């Protein structure tokens, strides 16, 4: 079940990556729903997504405690 939430989160974030504000909003929601090890995996995935969409760089503030 948890893996399904992680995959769903990645799908949503990739679909809203065109809008920085929406991406940040969905990222904040995802961080409250995912397990700690999934958050670490999500950070790696987001790093690769930011290489394709540099404007999303400002959302990294939510990934750092």
PDB file of N, CA and C in Angstrom:
ATOM      1  N   UNK A   1       0.824  -1.199   0.000  1.00  0.00           N
ATOM      2  CA  UNK A   1       0.000   0.000   0.000  1.00  0.00           C
ATOM      3  C   UNK A   1       0.863   1.257   0.000  1.00  0.00           C
ATOM      4  N   UNK A   2       1.902   1.254   0.834  1.00  0.00           N
ATOM      5  CA  UNK A   2       2.750   2.434   0.919  1.00  0.00           C
ATOM      6  C   UNK A   2       3.447   2.714  -0.408  1.00  0.00           C
ATOM      7  N   UNK A   3       3.855   1.665  -1.078  1.00  0.00           N
ATOM      8  CA  UNK A   3       4.532   1.848  -2.367  1.00  0.00           C
ATOM      9  C   UNK A   3       3.587   2.472  -3.390  1.00  0.00           C
ATOM     10  N   UNK A   4       2.319   2.115  -3.294  1.00  0.00           N
ATOM     11  CA  UNK A   4       1.330   2.698  -4.201  1.00  0.00           C
ATOM     12  C   UNK A   4       1.225   4.205  -3.980  1.00  0.00           C
ATOM     13  N   UNK A   5       1.292   4.633  -2.730  1.00  0.00           N
ATOM     14  CA  UNK A   5       1.230   6.065  -2.422  1.00  0.00           C
ATOM     15  C   UNK A   5       2.464   6.778  -2.973  1.00  0.00           C
ATOM     16  N   UNK A   6       3.610   6.130  -2.869  1.00  0.00           N
ATOM     17  CA  UNK A   6       4.835   6.720  -3.400  1.00  0.00           C
ATOM     18  C   UNK A   6       4.750   6.866  -4.916  1.00  0.00           C
ATOM     19  N   UNK A   7       4.291   5.838  -5.596  1.00  0.00           N
ATOM     20  CA  UNK A   7       4.159   5.901  -7.051  1.00  0.00           C
ATOM     21  C   UNK A   7       3.125   6.940  -7.466  1.00  0.00           C
ATOM     22  N   UNK A   8       2.028   7.010  -6.715  1.00  0.00           N
ATOM     23  CA  UNK A   8       0.998   8.012  -6.991  1.00  0.00           C
ATOM     24  C   UNK A   8       1.560   9.422  -6.818  1.00  0.00           C
ATOM     25  N   UNK A   9       2.340   9.624  -5.778  1.00  0.00           N
ATOM     26  CA  UNK A   9       2.951  10.931  -5.517  1.00  0.00           C
ATOM     27  C   UNK A   9       3.864  11.340  -6.662  1.00  0.00           C
ATOM     28  N   UNK A  10       4.678  10.416  -7.145  1.00  0.00           N
ATOM     29  CA  UNK A  10       5.562  10.730  -8.269  1.00  0.00           C
ATOM     30  C   UNK A  10       4.759  11.083  -9.509  1.00  0.00           C
ATOM     31  N   UNK A  11       3.671  10.371  -9.749  1.00  0.00           N
ATOM     32  CA  UNK A  11       2.834  10.655 -10.916  1.00  0.00           C
ATOM     33  C   UNK A  11       2.218  12.044 -10.824  1.00  0.00           C
ATOM     34  N   UNK A  12       1.710  12.385  -9.648  1.00  0.00           N
ATOM     35  CA  UNK A  12       1.100  13.710  -9.458  1.00  0.00           C
ATOM     36  C   UNK A  12       2.142  14.799  -9.623  1.00  0.00           C
ATOM     37  N   UNK A  13       3.298  14.647  -8.996  1.00  0.00           N
ATOM     38  CA  UNK A  13       4.332  15.674  -9.079  1.00  0.00           C
ATOM     39  C   UNK A  13       4.834  15.853 -10.511  1.00  0.00           C
ATOM     40  N   UNK A  14       4.949  14.785 -11.248  1.00  0.00           N
ATOM     41  CA  UNK A  14       5.406  14.940 -12.629  1.00  0.00           C
ATOM     42  C   UNK A  14       4.348  15.634 -13.483  1.00  0.00           C
ATOM     43  N   UNK A  15       3.068  15.407 -13.182  1.00  0.00           N
ATOM     44  CA  UNK A  15       2.000  16.050 -13.949  1.00  0.00           C
ATOM     45  C   UNK A  15       1.869  17.535 -13.644  1.00  0.00           C
ATOM     46  N   UNK A  16       2.209  17.948 -12.421  1.00  0.00           N
ATOM     47  CA  UNK A  16       2.070  19.366 -12.058  1.00  0.00           C
ATOM     48  C   UNK A  16       3.403  20.110 -12.132  1.00  0.00           C
ATOM     49  N   UNK A  17       4.403  19.485 -12.707  1.00  0.00           N
ATOM     50  CA  UNK A  17       5.726  20.117 -12.750  1.00  0.00           C
ATOM     51  C   UNK A  17       5.780  21.347 -13.655  1.00  0.00           C
ATOM     52  N   UNK A  18       4.724  21.596 -14.414  1.00  0.00           N
ATOM     53  CA  UNK A  18       4.686  22.785 -15.263  1.00  0.00           C
ATOM     54  C   UNK A  18       4.424  24.055 -14.457  1.00  0.00           C
ATOM     55  N   UNK A  19       3.869  23.920 -13.239  1.00  0.00           N
ATOM     56  CA  UNK A  19       3.505  25.063 -12.401  1.00  0.00           C
ATOM     57  C   UNK A  19       4.245  24.953 -11.067  1.00  0.00           C
ATOM     58  N   UNK A  20       5.126  25.898 -10.795  1.00  0.00           N
ATOM     59  CA  UNK A  20       5.956  25.843  -9.594  1.00  0.00           C
ATOM     60  C   UNK A  20       5.109  25.883  -8.326  1.00  0.00           C
ATOM     61  N   UNK A  21       4.120  26.760  -8.260  1.00  0.00           N
ATOM     62  CA  UNK A  21       3.302  26.880  -7.054  1.00  0.00           C
ATOM     63  C   UNK A  21       2.522  25.595  -6.773  1.00  0.00           C
ATOM     64  N   UNK A  22       1.955  25.027  -7.798  1.00  0.00           N
ATOM     65  CA  UNK A  22       1.208  23.789  -7.643  1.00  0.00           C
ATOM     66  C   UNK A  22       2.133  22.638  -7.261  1.00  0.00           C
ATOM     67  N   UNK A  23       3.312  22.621  -7.837  1.00  0.00           N
ATOM     68  CA  UNK A  23       4.292  21.591  -7.505  1.00  0.00           C
ATOM     69  C   UNK A  23       4.679  21.671  -6.032  1.00  0.00           C
ATOM     70  N   UNK A  24       4.938  22.870  -5.553  1.00  0.00           N
ATOM     71  CA  UNK A  24       5.311  23.057  -4.146  1.00  0.00           C
ATOM     72  C   UNK A  24       4.175  22.628  -3.222  1.00  0.00           C
ATOM     73  N   UNK A  25       2.968  22.961  -3.586  1.00  0.00           N
ATOM     74  CA  UNK A  25       1.799  22.595  -2.777  1.00  0.00           C
ATOM     75  C   UNK A  25       1.663  21.071  -2.695  1.00  0.00           C
ATOM     76  N   UNK A  26       1.787  20.396  -3.828  1.00  0.00           N
ATOM     77  CA  UNK A  26       1.683  18.939  -3.852  1.00  0.00           C
ATOM     78  C   UNK A  26       2.862  18.285  -3.131  1.00  0.00           C
ATOM     79  N   UNK A  27       4.023  18.894  -3.210  1.00  0.00           N
ATOM     80  CA  UNK A  27       5.191  18.365  -2.516  1.00  0.00           C
ATOM     81  C   UNK A  27       4.989  18.428  -1.006  1.00  0.00           C
ATOM     82  N   UNK A  28       4.450  19.532  -0.513  1.00  0.00           N
ATOM     83  CA  UNK A  28       4.176  19.656   0.928  1.00  0.00           C
ATOM     84  C   UNK A  28       3.192  18.587   1.384  1.00  0.00           C
ATOM     85  N   UNK A  29       2.159  18.344   0.592  1.00  0.00           N
ATOM     86  CA  UNK A  29       1.194  17.300   0.941  1.00  0.00           C
ATOM     87  C   UNK A  29       1.856  15.928   0.957  1.00  0.00           C
ATOM     88  N   UNK A  30       2.694  15.685  -0.018  1.00  0.00           N
ATOM     89  CA  UNK A  30       3.351  14.388  -0.119  1.00  0.00           C
ATOM     90  C   UNK A  30       4.259  14.130   1.075  1.00  0.00           C
ATOM     91  N   UNK A  31       4.933  15.150   1.554  1.00  0.00           N
ATOM     92  CA  UNK A  31       5.851  14.978   2.666  1.00  0.00           C
ATOM     93  C   UNK A  31       5.124  14.604   3.952  1.00  0.00           C
ATOM     94  N   UNK A  32       3.847  14.966   4.067  1.00  0.00           N
ATOM     95  CA  UNK A  32       3.087  14.584   5.262  1.00  0.00           C
ATOM     96  C   UNK A  32       2.542  13.160   5.150  1.00  0.00           C
ATOM     97  N   UNK A  33       2.437  12.632   3.948  1.00  0.00           N
ATOM     98  CA  UNK A  33       1.813  11.321   3.736  1.00  0.00           C
ATOM     99  C   UNK A  33       2.801  10.178   3.556  1.00  0.00           C
ATOM    100  N   UNK A  34       4.003  10.490   3.158  1.00  0.00           N
ATOM    101  CA  UNK A  34       4.966   9.427   2.865  1.00  0.00           C
ATOM    102  C   UNK A  34       5.752   9.027   4.109  1.00  0.00           C
ATOM    103  N   UNK A  35       6.256   7.817   4.080  1.00  0.00           N
ATOM    104  CA  UNK A  35       7.115   7.327   5.147  1.00  0.00           C
ATOM    105  C   UNK A  35       8.507   7.941   5.013  1.00  0.00           C
ATOM    106  N   UNK A  36       9.264   7.997   6.109  1.00  0.00           N
ATOM    107  CA  UNK A  36      10.589   8.652   6.056  1.00  0.00           C
ATOM    108  C   UNK A  36      11.524   8.109   4.975  1.00  0.00           C
ATOM    109  N   UNK A  37      11.570   6.808   4.783  1.00  0.00           N
ATOM    110  CA  UNK A  37      12.466   6.274   3.754  1.00  0.00           C
ATOM    111  C   UNK A  37      11.954   6.612   2.350  1.00  0.00           C
ATOM    112  N   UNK A  38      10.637   6.769   2.216  1.00  0.00           N
ATOM    113  CA  UNK A  38      10.085   7.165   0.918  1.00  0.00           C
ATOM    114  C   UNK A  38      10.394   8.629   0.626  1.00  0.00           C
ATOM    115  N   UNK A  39      10.439   9.442   1.659  1.00  0.00           N
ATOM    116  CA  UNK A  39      10.797  10.852   1.475  1.00  0.00           C
ATOM    117  C   UNK A  39      12.224  10.957   0.961  1.00  0.00           C
ATOM    118  N   UNK A  40      13.106  10.127   1.492  1.00  0.00           N
ATOM    119  CA  UNK A  40      14.495  10.130   1.019  1.00  0.00           C
ATOM    120  C   UNK A  40      14.572   9.701  -0.449  1.00  0.00           C
ATOM    121  N   UNK A  41      13.792   8.718  -0.807  1.00  0.00           N
ATOM    122  CA  UNK A  41      13.760   8.270  -2.201  1.00  0.00           C
ATOM    123  C   UNK A  41      13.148   9.337  -3.103  1.00  0.00           C
ATOM    124  N   UNK A  42      12.148  10.039  -2.580  1.00  0.00           N
ATOM    125  CA  UNK A  42      11.513  11.119  -3.335  1.00  0.00           C
ATOM    126  C   UNK A  42      12.489  12.262  -3.593  1.00  0.00           C
ATOM    127  N   UNK A  43      13.354  12.545  -2.617  1.00  0.00           N
ATOM    128  CA  UNK A  43      14.362  13.600  -2.789  1.00  0.00           C
ATOM    129  C   UNK A  43      15.262  13.289  -3.987  1.00  0.00           C
ATOM    130  N   UNK A  44      15.667  12.044  -4.107  1.00  0.00           N
ATOM    131  CA  UNK A  44      16.518  11.655  -5.234  1.00  0.00           C
ATOM    132  C   UNK A  44      15.779  11.809  -6.551  1.00  0.00           C
ATOM    133  N   UNK A  45      14.517  11.417  -6.567  1.00  0.00           N
ATOM    134  CA  UNK A  45      13.718  11.529  -7.782  1.00  0.00           C
ATOM    135  C   UNK A  45      13.514  12.995  -8.158  1.00  0.00           C
ATOM    136  N   UNK A  46      13.272  13.842  -7.158  1.00  0.00           N
ATOM    137  CA  UNK A  46      13.048  15.265  -7.420  1.00  0.00           C
ATOM    138  C   UNK A  46      14.326  15.922  -7.942  1.00  0.00           C
ATOM    139  N   UNK A  47      15.472  15.496  -7.447  1.00  0.00           N
ATOM    140  CA  UNK A  47      16.738  16.034  -7.959  1.00  0.00           C
ATOM    141  C   UNK A  47      16.867  15.807  -9.465  1.00  0.00           C
ATOM    142  N   UNK A  48      16.486  14.635  -9.928  1.00  0.00           N
ATOM    143  CA  UNK A  48      16.565  14.372 -11.362  1.00  0.00           C
ATOM    144  C   UNK A  48      15.494  15.160 -12.126  1.00  0.00           C
ATOM    145  N   UNK A  49      14.336  15.370 -11.511  1.00  0.00           N
ATOM    146  CA  UNK A  49      13.276  16.156 -12.146  1.00  0.00           C
ATOM    147  C   UNK A  49      13.679  17.623 -12.265  1.00  0.00           C
ATOM    148  N   UNK A  50      14.389  18.130 -11.279  1.00  0.00           N
ATOM    149  CA  UNK A  50      14.813  19.530 -11.293  1.00  0.00           C
ATOM    150  C   UNK A  50      15.853  19.772 -12.385  1.00  0.00           C
ATOM    151  N   UNK A  51      16.622  18.768 -12.714  1.00  0.00           N
ATOM    152  CA  UNK A  51      17.579  18.922 -13.814  1.00  0.00           C
ATOM    153  C   UNK A  51      16.861  19.182 -15.129  1.00  0.00           C
ATOM    154  N   UNK A  52      15.656  18.622 -15.269  1.00  0.00           N
ATOM    155  CA  UNK A  52      14.858  18.837 -16.473  1.00  0.00           C
ATOM    156  C   UNK A  52      14.049  20.132 -16.389  1.00  0.00           C
ATOM    157  N   UNK A  53      13.649  20.509 -15.165  1.00  0.00           N
ATOM    158  CA  UNK A  53      12.823  21.706 -14.935  1.00  0.00           C
ATOM    159  C   UNK A  53      13.475  22.574 -13.856  1.00  0.00           C
ATOM    160  N   UNK A  54      14.462  23.369 -14.215  1.00  0.00           N
ATOM    161  CA  UNK A  54      15.196  24.146 -13.210  1.00  0.00           C
ATOM    162  C   UNK A  54      14.340  25.126 -12.413  1.00  0.00           C
ATOM    163  N   UNK A  55      13.197  25.526 -12.932  1.00  0.00           N
ATOM    164  CA  UNK A  55      12.355  26.473 -12.216  1.00  0.00           C
ATOM    165  C   UNK A  55      11.799  25.859 -10.923  1.00  0.00           C
ATOM    166  N   UNK A  56      11.797  24.554 -10.808  1.00  0.00           N
ATOM    167  CA  UNK A  56      11.291  23.884  -9.606  1.00  0.00           C
ATOM    168  C   UNK A  56      12.294  23.908  -8.457  1.00  0.00           C
ATOM    169  N   UNK A  57      13.442  24.464  -8.701  1.00  0.00           N
ATOM    170  CA  UNK A  57      14.512  24.511  -7.707  1.00  0.00           C
ATOM    171  C   UNK A  57      14.073  25.189  -6.417  1.00  0.00           C
ATOM    172  N   UNK A  58      13.180  26.155  -6.499  1.00  0.00           N
ATOM    173  CA  UNK A  58      12.758  26.876  -5.301  1.00  0.00           C
ATOM    174  C   UNK A  58      11.930  26.004  -4.361  1.00  0.00           C
ATOM    175  N   UNK A  59      11.424  24.887  -4.818  1.00  0.00           N
ATOM    176  CA  UNK A  59      10.641  23.982  -3.967  1.00  0.00           C
ATOM    177  C   UNK A  59      11.521  23.106  -3.089  1.00  0.00           C
ATOM    178  N   UNK A  60      12.822  23.121  -3.323  1.00  0.00           N
ATOM    179  CA  UNK A  60      13.730  22.323  -2.510  1.00  0.00           C
ATOM    180  C   UNK A  60      13.729  22.760  -1.050  1.00  0.00           C
ATOM    181  N   UNK A  61      13.259  23.940  -0.778  1.00  0.00           N
ATOM    182  CA  UNK A  61      13.216  24.438   0.598  1.00  0.00           C
ATOM    183  C   UNK A  61      12.360  23.524   1.493  1.00  0.00           C
ATOM    184  N   UNK A  62      11.375  22.865   0.910  1.00  0.00           N
ATOM    185  CA  UNK A  62      10.510  21.976   1.696  1.00  0.00           C
ATOM    186  C   UNK A  62      11.170  20.638   2.007  1.00  0.00           C
ATOM    187  N   UNK A  63      12.202  20.307   1.269  1.00  0.00           N
ATOM    188  CA  UNK A  63      12.880  19.025   1.476  1.00  0.00           C
ATOM    189  C   UNK A  63      13.982  19.096   2.515  1.00  0.00           C
ATOM    190  N   UNK A  64      14.395  20.281   2.880  1.00  0.00           N
ATOM    191  CA  UNK A  64      15.448  20.439   3.871  1.00  0.00           C
ATOM    192  C   UNK A  64      14.834  20.844   5.208  1.00  0.00           C
ATOM    193  N   UNK A  65      15.124  20.089   6.278  1.00  0.00           N
ATOM    194  CA  UNK A  65      14.519  20.424   7.580  1.00  0.00           C
ATOM    195  C   UNK A  65      15.040  21.705   8.181  1.00  0.00           C
TER     196      UNK A  65
END
